[in-house]
Amino acid sequence: PRGTTNIMSCNFEELVGPTLLIGKGQEVYTKDLLKDKKYVMLYFSAQWCPPCRKFTPLLGEAYTAHKQYTKDNNNKEEEDI
């Protein structure tokens, strides 16, 4: 559709900046963190938004469950999460 961008051709450094924070505030280079990743998900929410405040913990739980599932099943994709 008109006005959309093919995210696969997107330069993530232009989109999110040269560094990202992971874990407990560890700063890493965007290009290093995202290299060789098959999928990247960006989630934006607002603390003042009631639906966002309900959904964010659910998204975190789903992420944790999927990560555990891939670990339990010796799935290579665990490294991509």
Protein backbone atom coordinates (compact mmCIF):
# COMPACT_ATOMS: atom_id res chain seq x y z
CA PRO A 1 0.00 0.00 0.00
CA ARG A 2 1.01 3.57 -0.59
CA GLY A 3 2.96 5.21 2.21
CA THR A 4 4.21 1.97 3.78
CA THR A 5 7.81 0.89 4.14
CA ASN A 6 9.16 -2.58 3.62
CA ILE A 7 10.58 -3.05 7.10
CA MET A 8 13.00 -5.71 5.87
CA SER A 9 14.79 -3.06 3.81
CA CYS A 10 14.77 -0.62 6.72
CA ASN A 11 18.00 0.50 8.38
CA PHE A 12 17.23 -0.11 12.06
CA GLU A 13 19.94 2.30 13.15
CA GLU A 14 18.03 5.08 11.40
CA LEU A 15 14.81 3.91 13.03
CA VAL A 16 15.92 3.37 16.65
CA GLY A 17 19.39 4.90 16.88
CA PRO A 18 22.94 3.53 17.05
CA THR A 19 22.56 1.87 20.46
CA LEU A 20 19.88 0.00 22.41
CA LEU A 21 19.49 -0.82 26.09
CA ILE A 22 19.09 -4.48 27.03
CA GLY A 23 18.69 -6.30 30.30
CA LYS A 24 19.38 -4.02 33.22
CA GLY A 25 20.46 -1.04 31.17
CA GLN A 26 23.41 -2.53 29.30
CA GLU A 27 24.04 -0.47 26.16
CA VAL A 28 24.78 -2.39 22.95
CA TYR A 29 25.21 -1.39 19.34
CA THR A 30 22.00 -1.79 17.34
CA LYS A 31 23.82 -3.30 14.36
CA ASP A 32 25.54 -5.91 16.57
CA LEU A 33 22.39 -6.87 18.44
CA LEU A 34 20.22 -7.21 15.36
CA LYS A 35 22.67 -8.77 12.91
CA ASP A 36 21.54 -12.15 11.62
CA LYS A 37 18.12 -11.78 13.27
CA LYS A 38 15.29 -13.27 11.30
CA TYR A 39 12.56 -11.26 13.04
CA VAL A 40 12.47 -7.99 14.92
CA MET A 41 9.46 -6.69 16.80
CA LEU A 42 9.02 -3.13 17.97
CA TYR A 43 6.30 -2.41 20.50
CA PHE A 44 5.28 1.10 21.45
CA SER A 45 2.98 1.86 24.34
CA ALA A 46 2.10 4.69 26.68
CA GLN A 47 2.06 4.44 30.43
CA TRP A 48 -1.08 6.63 30.57
CA CYS A 49 -3.00 4.35 28.17
CA PRO A 50 -5.21 1.80 30.04
CA PRO A 51 -5.27 -0.78 27.18
CA CYS A 52 -1.47 -0.53 26.88
CA ARG A 53 -1.06 -1.01 30.62
CA LYS A 54 -3.13 -4.20 30.40
CA PHE A 55 -1.44 -5.55 27.29
CA THR A 56 2.23 -4.91 28.13
CA PRO A 57 2.41 -7.52 30.94
CA LEU A 58 0.63 -10.05 28.72
CA LEU A 59 3.19 -9.48 25.98
CA GLY A 60 5.99 -9.98 28.52
CA GLU A 61 4.44 -13.25 29.71
CA ALA A 62 4.06 -14.50 26.13
CA TYR A 63 7.69 -13.64 25.40
CA THR A 64 8.89 -15.46 28.52
CA ALA A 65 6.75 -18.52 27.75
CA HIS A 66 7.97 -18.69 24.15
CA LYS A 67 11.59 -18.31 25.21
CA GLN A 68 11.19 -21.13 27.74
CA TYR A 69 9.43 -23.31 25.15
CA THR A 70 12.26 -22.92 22.65
CA LYS A 71 14.82 -23.64 25.37
CA ASP A 72 12.97 -26.76 26.54
CA ASN A 73 12.74 -28.05 22.98
CA ASN A 74 16.36 -27.31 22.06
CA ASN A 75 15.13 -24.98 19.37
CA LYS A 76 17.80 -22.96 17.56
CA GLU A 77 15.42 -20.01 17.44
CA GLU A 78 16.04 -19.42 21.17
CA GLU A 79 19.22 -17.59 20.20
CA ASP A 80 17.17 -15.29 17.98
CA ILE A 81 14.86 -14.16 20.78
